[in-house]
PDB file of N, CA and C in Angstrom:
ATOM      1  N   GLY A   1      51.100 -19.390  45.322  1.00  0.00           N
ATOM      2  CA  GLY A   1      49.922 -18.860  45.917  1.00  0.00           C
ATOM      3  C   GLY A   1      49.814 -17.345  45.687  1.00  0.00           C
ATOM      4  N   TRP A   2      50.916 -16.725  45.199  1.00  0.00           N
ATOM      5  CA  TRP A   2      50.653 -15.080  45.274  1.00  0.00           C
ATOM      6  C   TRP A   2      49.451 -14.795  44.052  1.00  0.00           C
ATOM      7  N   ASP A   3      48.664 -14.056  44.357  1.00  0.00           N
ATOM      8  CA  ASP A   3      47.451 -13.850  43.286  1.00  0.00           C
ATOM      9  C   ASP A   3      47.924 -12.581  42.327  1.00  0.00           C
ATOM     10  N   GLY A   4      49.163 -11.879  42.567  1.00  0.00           N
ATOM     11  CA  GLY A   4      49.544 -10.918  41.775  1.00  0.00           C
ATOM     12  C   GLY A   4      49.110  -9.496  42.110  1.00  0.00           C
ATOM     13  N   VAL A   5      47.817  -9.366  43.000  1.00  0.00           N
ATOM     14  CA  VAL A   5      47.439  -8.361  43.487  1.00  0.00           C
ATOM     15  C   VAL A   5      48.060  -7.720  44.774  1.00  0.00           C
ATOM     16  N   GLU A   6      48.068  -8.875  45.867  1.00  0.00           N
ATOM     17  CA  GLU A   6      48.414  -8.612  47.004  1.00  0.00           C
ATOM     18  C   GLU A   6      50.021  -8.009  47.223  1.00  0.00           C
ATOM     19  N   ASP A   7      50.033  -7.136  48.194  1.00  0.00           N
ATOM     20  CA  ASP A   7      51.435  -6.410  48.190  1.00  0.00           C
ATOM     21  C   ASP A   7      52.532  -7.808  48.603  1.00  0.00           C
ATOM     22  N   LEU A   8      53.780  -7.691  47.902  1.00  0.00           N
ATOM     23  CA  LEU A   8      54.557  -8.934  47.729  1.00  0.00           C
ATOM     24  C   LEU A   8      55.044  -8.866  49.034  1.00  0.00           C
ATOM     25  N   SER A   9      55.611  -7.899  49.756  1.00  0.00           N
ATOM     26  CA  SER A   9      56.373  -8.018  51.065  1.00  0.00           C
ATOM     27  C   SER A   9      55.338  -8.599  52.035  1.00  0.00           C
ATOM     28  N   ALA A  10      54.111  -8.181  52.226  1.00  0.00           N
ATOM     29  CA  ALA A  10      52.921  -8.856  53.220  1.00  0.00           C
ATOM     30  C   ALA A  10      52.870 -10.224  52.916  1.00  0.00           C
ATOM     31  N   PHE A  11      52.896 -10.544  51.443  1.00  0.00           N
ATOM     32  CA  PHE A  11      52.629 -12.198  51.035  1.00  0.00           C
ATOM     33  C   PHE A  11      54.008 -12.939  51.464  1.00  0.00           C
ATOM     34  N   PHE A  12      55.110 -12.499  51.448  1.00  0.00           N
ATOM     35  CA  PHE A  12      56.471 -13.323  51.645  1.00  0.00           C
ATOM     36  C   PHE A  12      56.561 -13.352  53.305  1.00  0.00           C
ATOM     37  N   THR A  13      56.155 -12.076  53.779  1.00  0.00           N
ATOM     38  CA  THR A  13      56.294 -11.928  55.406  1.00  0.00           C
ATOM     39  C   THR A  13      55.329 -13.315  55.872  1.00  0.00           C
ATOM     40  N   ARG A  14      54.021 -13.428  55.370  1.00  0.00           N
ATOM     41  CA  ARG A  14      53.164 -14.562  55.919  1.00  0.00           C
ATOM     42  C   ARG A  14      53.373 -15.995  55.381  1.00  0.00           C
ATOM     43  N   HIS A  15      53.945 -15.977  54.168  1.00  0.00           N
ATOM     44  CA  HIS A  15      53.919 -17.531  53.644  1.00  0.00           C
ATOM     45  C   HIS A  15      55.344 -17.929  53.270  1.00  0.00           C
ATOM     46  N   VAL A  16      56.319 -17.073  53.080  1.00  0.00           N
ATOM     47  CA  VAL A  16      57.773 -17.850  52.695  1.00  0.00           C
ATOM     48  C   VAL A  16      58.621 -17.750  53.749  1.00  0.00           C
ATOM     49  N   PHE A  17      59.228 -18.906  53.799  1.00  0.00           N
ATOM     50  CA  PHE A  17      60.366 -19.172  54.648  1.00  0.00           C
ATOM     51  C   PHE A  17      61.597 -18.667  54.189  1.00  0.00           C
ATOM     52  N   HIS A  18      61.933 -18.998  53.062  1.00  0.00           N
ATOM     53  CA  HIS A  18      63.263 -18.494  52.252  1.00  0.00           C
ATOM     54  C   HIS A  18      63.197 -18.885  50.823  1.00  0.00           C
ATOM     55  N   CYS A  19      63.596 -17.968  50.359  1.00  0.00           N
ATOM     56  CA  CYS A  19      63.567 -18.075  48.712  1.00  0.00           C
ATOM     57  C   CYS A  19      64.734 -17.317  48.253  1.00  0.00           C
ATOM     58  N   GLY A  20      65.058 -17.565  46.756  1.00  0.00           N
ATOM     59  CA  GLY A  20      66.064 -16.750  46.188  1.00  0.00           C
ATOM     60  C   GLY A  20      66.024 -16.987  44.619  1.00  0.00           C
ATOM     61  N   VAL A  21      67.166 -16.482  44.089  1.00  0.00           N
ATOM     62  CA  VAL A  21      67.219 -16.831  42.488  1.00  0.00           C
ATOM     63  C   VAL A  21      68.618 -17.202  42.243  1.00  0.00           C
ATOM     64  N   LEU A  22      68.507 -17.812  41.185  1.00  0.00           N
ATOM     65  CA  LEU A  22      69.658 -18.715  40.650  1.00  0.00           C
ATOM     66  C   LEU A  22      70.795 -17.907  40.668  1.00  0.00           C
ATOM     67  N   GLU A  23      70.826 -16.729  39.937  1.00  0.00           N
ATOM     68  CA  GLU A  23      71.973 -15.874  40.064  1.00  0.00           C
ATOM     69  C   GLU A  23      72.528 -15.573  41.453  1.00  0.00           C
ATOM     70  N   ARG A  24      71.869 -15.663  42.262  1.00  0.00           N
ATOM     71  CA  ARG A  24      72.475 -15.429  43.795  1.00  0.00           C
ATOM     72  C   ARG A  24      72.294 -16.628  44.597  1.00  0.00           C
ATOM     73  N   SER A  25      72.636 -17.830  44.079  1.00  0.00           N
ATOM     74  CA  SER A  25      72.454 -19.007  44.812  1.00  0.00           C
ATOM     75  C   SER A  25      73.601 -19.167  45.946  1.00  0.00           C
ATOM     76  N   ASP A  26      74.653 -18.442  46.051  1.00  0.00           N
ATOM     77  CA  ASP A  26      75.405 -18.538  47.046  1.00  0.00           C
ATOM     78  C   ASP A  26      74.977 -17.652  48.300  1.00  0.00           C
ATOM     79  N   GLU A  27      74.282 -16.546  48.076  1.00  0.00           N
ATOM     80  CA  GLU A  27      73.585 -15.768  49.060  1.00  0.00           C
ATOM     81  C   GLU A  27      72.481 -16.612  49.582  1.00  0.00           C
ATOM     82  N   PHE A  28      71.459 -17.247  48.706  1.00  0.00           N
ATOM     83  CA  PHE A  28      70.644 -17.999  49.218  1.00  0.00           C
ATOM     84  C   PHE A  28      71.198 -19.176  50.183  1.00  0.00           C
ATOM     85  N   ALA A  29      72.002 -19.940  49.664  1.00  0.00           N
ATOM     86  CA  ALA A  29      72.635 -21.148  50.724  1.00  0.00           C
ATOM     87  C   ALA A  29      73.006 -20.631  51.946  1.00  0.00           C
ATOM     88  N   ARG A  30      73.864 -19.571  52.180  1.00  0.00           N
ATOM     89  CA  ARG A  30      74.365 -18.822  53.049  1.00  0.00           C
ATOM     90  C   ARG A  30      73.140 -18.439  54.139  1.00  0.00           C
ATOM     91  N   GLY A  31      72.249 -17.611  53.464  1.00  0.00           N
ATOM     92  CA  GLY A  31      71.094 -17.200  54.234  1.00  0.00           C
ATOM     93  C   GLY A  31      70.231 -18.329  54.867  1.00  0.00           C
ATOM     94  N   LEU A  32      70.203 -19.510  54.184  1.00  0.00           N
ATOM     95  CA  LEU A  32      69.373 -20.625  54.692  1.00  0.00           C
ATOM     96  C   LEU A  32      69.902 -21.322  55.689  1.00  0.00           C
ATOM     97  N   GLY A  33      71.223 -21.563  55.601  1.00  0.00           N
ATOM     98  CA  GLY A  33      72.238 -21.928  56.775  1.00  0.00           C
ATOM     99  C   GLY A  33      72.315 -21.265  57.991  1.00  0.00           C
ATOM    100  N   GLU A  34      72.087 -19.877  58.027  1.00  0.00           N
ATOM    101  CA  GLU A  34      71.837 -19.188  59.042  1.00  0.00           C
ATOM    102  C   GLU A  34      70.557 -19.175  59.694  1.00  0.00           C
ATOM    103  N   LYS A  35      69.488 -19.260  58.918  1.00  0.00           N
ATOM    104  CA  LYS A  35      68.301 -19.620  59.512  1.00  0.00           C
ATOM    105  C   LYS A  35      68.155 -21.078  60.129  1.00  0.00           C
ATOM    106  N   LEU A  36      68.650 -22.021  59.563  1.00  0.00           N
ATOM    107  CA  LEU A  36      68.845 -23.414  59.950  1.00  0.00           C
ATOM    108  C   LEU A  36      69.736 -23.589  60.976  1.00  0.00           C
ATOM    109  N   ASP A  37      70.649 -22.583  61.277  1.00  0.00           N
ATOM    110  CA  ASP A  37      71.817 -22.813  62.407  1.00  0.00           C
ATOM    111  C   ASP A  37      72.786 -23.755  62.335  1.00  0.00           C
ATOM    112  N   ARG A  38      73.051 -23.890  60.817  1.00  0.00           N
ATOM    113  CA  ARG A  38      73.880 -25.225  60.481  1.00  0.00           C
ATOM    114  C   ARG A  38      74.327 -24.981  58.807  1.00  0.00           C
ATOM    115  N   PRO A  39      75.568 -25.426  58.445  1.00  0.00           N
ATOM    116  CA  PRO A  39      76.067 -25.130  57.156  1.00  0.00           C
ATOM    117  C   PRO A  39      75.167 -25.708  56.307  1.00  0.00           C
ATOM    118  N   PHE A  40      74.900 -25.068  55.329  1.00  0.00           N
ATOM    119  CA  PHE A  40      73.978 -25.594  54.151  1.00  0.00           C
ATOM    120  C   PHE A  40      74.675 -25.361  52.694  1.00  0.00           C
ATOM    121  N   SER A  41      74.631 -26.008  51.765  1.00  0.00           N
ATOM    122  CA  SER A  41      75.350 -25.904  50.525  1.00  0.00           C
ATOM    123  C   SER A  41      74.433 -26.727  49.453  1.00  0.00           C
ATOM    124  N   LEU A  42      74.479 -26.146  48.263  1.00  0.00           N
ATOM    125  CA  LEU A  42      73.778 -26.667  47.123  1.00  0.00           C
ATOM    126  C   LEU A  42      74.795 -27.556  46.399  1.00  0.00           C
ATOM    127  N   PRO A  43      74.165 -29.065  46.079  1.00  0.00           N
ATOM    128  CA  PRO A  43      75.369 -30.048  45.590  1.00  0.00           C
ATOM    129  C   PRO A  43      76.000 -29.504  44.296  1.00  0.00           C
ATOM    130  N   HIS A  44      75.319 -28.554  43.465  1.00  0.00           N
ATOM    131  CA  HIS A  44      76.065 -28.143  42.226  1.00  0.00           C
ATOM    132  C   HIS A  44      75.400 -26.895  41.818  1.00  0.00           C
ATOM    133  N   ASP A  45      76.046 -26.133  41.128  1.00  0.00           N
ATOM    134  CA  ASP A  45      75.540 -25.027  40.414  1.00  0.00           C
ATOM    135  C   ASP A  45      75.128 -25.301  39.101  1.00  0.00           C
ATOM    136  N   ASN A  46      74.093 -25.065  38.535  1.00  0.00           N
ATOM    137  CA  ASN A  46      73.530 -25.421  37.154  1.00  0.00           C
ATOM    138  C   ASN A  46      74.044 -24.211  36.191  1.00  0.00           C
ATOM    139  N   ARG A  47      74.854 -24.079  36.202  1.00  0.00           N
ATOM    140  CA  ARG A  47      75.390 -22.742  35.389  1.00  0.00           C
ATOM    141  C   ARG A  47      76.341 -23.316  34.034  1.00  0.00           C
ATOM    142  N   ASP A  48      76.580 -22.533  33.333  1.00  0.00           N
ATOM    143  CA  ASP A  48      77.238 -22.701  31.731  1.00  0.00           C
ATOM    144  C   ASP A  48      78.012 -21.651  31.603  1.00  0.00           C
ATOM    145  N   ALA A  49      79.347 -21.860  31.382  1.00  0.00           N
ATOM    146  CA  ALA A  49      80.185 -20.644  30.993  1.00  0.00           C
ATOM    147  C   ALA A  49      79.881 -20.270  29.725  1.00  0.00           C
ATOM    148  N   ALA A  50      79.492 -20.876  28.841  1.00  0.00           N
ATOM    149  CA  ALA A  50      79.136 -20.493  27.498  1.00  0.00           C
ATOM    150  C   ALA A  50      78.190 -19.448  27.802  1.00  0.00           C
ATOM    151  N   GLU A  51      78.362 -18.533  26.685  1.00  0.00           N
ATOM    152  CA  GLU A  51      77.801 -17.145  26.443  1.00  0.00           C
ATOM    153  C   GLU A  51      76.008 -17.687  26.149  1.00  0.00           C
ATOM    154  N   ARG A  52      75.125 -17.127  26.856  1.00  0.00           N
ATOM    155  CA  ARG A  52      73.743 -17.213  26.483  1.00  0.00           C
ATOM    156  C   ARG A  52      73.107 -16.344  25.481  1.00  0.00           C
ATOM    157  N   PRO A  53      72.282 -16.996  24.572  1.00  0.00           N
ATOM    158  CA  PRO A  53      71.867 -15.966  23.614  1.00  0.00           C
ATOM    159  C   PRO A  53      70.896 -14.864  24.003  1.00  0.00           C
ATOM    160  N   ALA A  54      71.003 -13.790  23.333  1.00  0.00           N
ATOM    161  CA  ALA A  54      70.023 -12.650  23.694  1.00  0.00           C
ATOM    162  C   ALA A  54      68.829 -12.978  23.594  1.00  0.00           C
ATOM    163  N   VAL A  55      67.912 -12.474  24.401  1.00  0.00           N
ATOM    164  CA  VAL A  55      66.436 -12.499  24.331  1.00  0.00           C
ATOM    165  C   VAL A  55      66.043 -11.261  23.547  1.00  0.00           C
ATOM    166  N   THR A  56      65.413 -11.560  22.479  1.00  0.00           N
ATOM    167  CA  THR A  56      64.753 -10.553  21.545  1.00  0.00           C
ATOM    168  C   THR A  56      63.721  -9.970  22.164  1.00  0.00           C
ATOM    169  N   PRO A  57      63.380  -8.763  21.696  1.00  0.00           N
ATOM    170  CA  PRO A  57      62.303  -7.798  22.233  1.00  0.00           C
ATOM    171  C   PRO A  57      61.041  -8.626  21.984  1.00  0.00           C
ATOM    172  N   GLY A  58      60.795  -9.355  21.057  1.00  0.00           N
ATOM    173  CA  GLY A  58      59.459 -10.215  20.709  1.00  0.00           C
ATOM    174  C   GLY A  58      59.414 -11.181  21.961  1.00  0.00           C
ATOM    175  N   GLN A  59      60.663 -11.790  22.099  1.00  0.00           N
ATOM    176  CA  GLN A  59      60.439 -13.116  23.167  1.00  0.00           C
ATOM    177  C   GLN A  59      60.288 -12.668  24.351  1.00  0.00           C
ATOM    178  N   ARG A  60      60.846 -11.391  24.705  1.00  0.00           N
ATOM    179  CA  ARG A  60      60.655 -10.977  26.191  1.00  0.00           C
ATOM    180  C   ARG A  60      59.178 -10.557  26.209  1.00  0.00           C
ATOM    181  N   ALA A  61      58.588  -9.812  25.157  1.00  0.00           N
ATOM    182  CA  ALA A  61      57.099  -9.565  25.420  1.00  0.00           C
ATOM    183  C   ALA A  61      56.331 -10.660  25.375  1.00  0.00           C
ATOM    184  N   LYS A  62      56.552 -11.873  24.809  1.00  0.00           N
ATOM    185  CA  LYS A  62      55.824 -13.142  24.824  1.00  0.00           C
ATOM    186  C   LYS A  62      56.207 -13.658  26.330  1.00  0.00           C
ATOM    187  N   LEU A  63      57.199 -13.501  26.996  1.00  0.00           N
ATOM    188  CA  LEU A  63      57.485 -14.175  28.156  1.00  0.00           C
ATOM    189  C   LEU A  63      56.680 -13.273  29.124  1.00  0.00           C
ATOM    190  N   GLU A  64      56.946 -11.946  28.986  1.00  0.00           N
ATOM    191  CA  GLU A  64      55.949 -11.221  29.999  1.00  0.00           C
ATOM    192  C   GLU A  64      54.512 -11.562  29.885  1.00  0.00           C
ATOM    193  N   ARG A  65      54.029 -11.585  28.790  1.00  0.00           N
ATOM    194  CA  ARG A  65      52.800 -11.916  28.756  1.00  0.00           C
ATOM    195  C   ARG A  65      52.158 -13.220  29.348  1.00  0.00           C
ATOM    196  N   ILE A  66      53.116 -14.217  28.972  1.00  0.00           N
ATOM    197  CA  ILE A  66      52.707 -15.569  29.681  1.00  0.00           C
ATOM    198  C   ILE A  66      52.842 -15.760  31.132  1.00  0.00           C
ATOM    199  N   TYR A  67      54.028 -15.191  31.465  1.00  0.00           N
ATOM    200  CA  TYR A  67      54.531 -15.247  32.875  1.00  0.00           C
ATOM    201  C   TYR A  67      54.755 -14.261  33.508  1.00  0.00           C
ATOM    202  N   THR A  68      53.476 -13.351  33.421  1.00  0.00           N
ATOM    203  CA  THR A  68      53.550 -12.029  34.120  1.00  0.00           C
ATOM    204  C   THR A  68      53.782 -12.173  35.823  1.00  0.00           C
ATOM    205  N   ARG A  69      53.319 -12.759  36.472  1.00  0.00           N
ATOM    206  CA  ARG A  69      53.736 -13.067  37.734  1.00  0.00           C
ATOM    207  C   ARG A  69      54.927 -13.605  38.277  1.00  0.00           C
ATOM    208  N   ASP A  70      55.589 -14.350  37.359  1.00  0.00           N
ATOM    209  CA  ASP A  70      56.587 -15.028  37.819  1.00  0.00           C
ATOM    210  C   ASP A  70      57.850 -14.013  37.341  1.00  0.00           C
ATOM    211  N   ILE A  71      57.660 -12.942  36.448  1.00  0.00           N
ATOM    212  CA  ILE A  71      58.560 -12.081  36.263  1.00  0.00           C
ATOM    213  C   ILE A  71      58.514 -10.947  37.224  1.00  0.00           C
ATOM    214  N   LEU A  72      57.349 -10.684  37.770  1.00  0.00           N
ATOM    215  CA  LEU A  72      56.876  -9.559  38.879  1.00  0.00           C
ATOM    216  C   LEU A  72      57.764 -10.116  40.123  1.00  0.00           C
ATOM    217  N   LEU A  73      57.558 -11.565  40.397  1.00  0.00           N
ATOM    218  CA  LEU A  73      58.349 -12.140  41.663  1.00  0.00           C
ATOM    219  C   LEU A  73      59.698 -12.128  41.655  1.00  0.00           C
ATOM    220  N   TYR A  74      60.227 -12.485  40.163  1.00  0.00           N
ATOM    221  CA  TYR A  74      61.679 -12.403  39.953  1.00  0.00           C
ATOM    222  C   TYR A  74      62.409 -10.994  40.330  1.00  0.00           C
ATOM    223  N   GLU A  75      61.617 -10.118  39.529  1.00  0.00           N
ATOM    224  CA  GLU A  75      62.047  -8.577  39.784  1.00  0.00           C
ATOM    225  C   GLU A  75      62.037  -8.319  41.385  1.00  0.00           C
ATOM    226  N   TRP A  76      61.154  -8.647  41.754  1.00  0.00           N
ATOM    227  CA  TRP A  76      60.953  -8.293  43.412  1.00  0.00           C
ATOM    228  C   TRP A  76      62.232  -8.848  43.879  1.00  0.00           C
ATOM    229  N   LEU A  77      62.100 -10.252  43.788  1.00  0.00           N
ATOM    230  CA  LEU A  77      63.388 -10.873  44.599  1.00  0.00           C
ATOM    231  C   LEU A  77      64.776 -10.208  44.221  1.00  0.00           C
ATOM    232  N   MET A  78      64.927  -9.971  43.097  1.00  0.00           N
ATOM    233  CA  MET A  78      66.233  -9.659  42.601  1.00  0.00           C
ATOM    234  C   MET A  78      66.465  -7.903  43.327  1.00  0.00           C
ATOM    235  N   SER A  79      65.598  -7.369  43.875  1.00  0.00           N
ATOM    236  CA  SER A  79      65.476  -5.995  44.360  1.00  0.00           C
ATOM    237  C   SER A  79      65.427  -6.196  45.829  1.00  0.00           C
ATOM    238  N   HIS A  80      65.053  -7.232  46.172  1.00  0.00           N
ATOM    239  CA  HIS A  80      64.981  -7.435  47.877  1.00  0.00           C
ATOM    240  C   HIS A  80      65.906  -8.557  48.425  1.00  0.00           C
ATOM    241  N   SER A  81      66.843  -9.000  47.637  1.00  0.00           N
ATOM    242  CA  SER A  81      67.667  -9.865  48.159  1.00  0.00           C
ATOM    243  C   SER A  81      68.979  -9.431  48.184  1.00  0.00           C
TER     244      SER A  81
END
């Protein structure tokens, strides 16, 4: 529902109970458990120990163009969690 214009902090305060990013799934689970006042864990990690291929500058530019708001949300979450 975020329109890409509204201040993200204000949007999250009004509309989001809890969120996180895959790279910090342990923090997500711990924080949600605290909010629910009960233990919470994720059934599995969807992680692969294999090396991930690098994203080329062209691929990154295409992703930024197509998923502009998603990338802004991800970067905001990474800096605020």
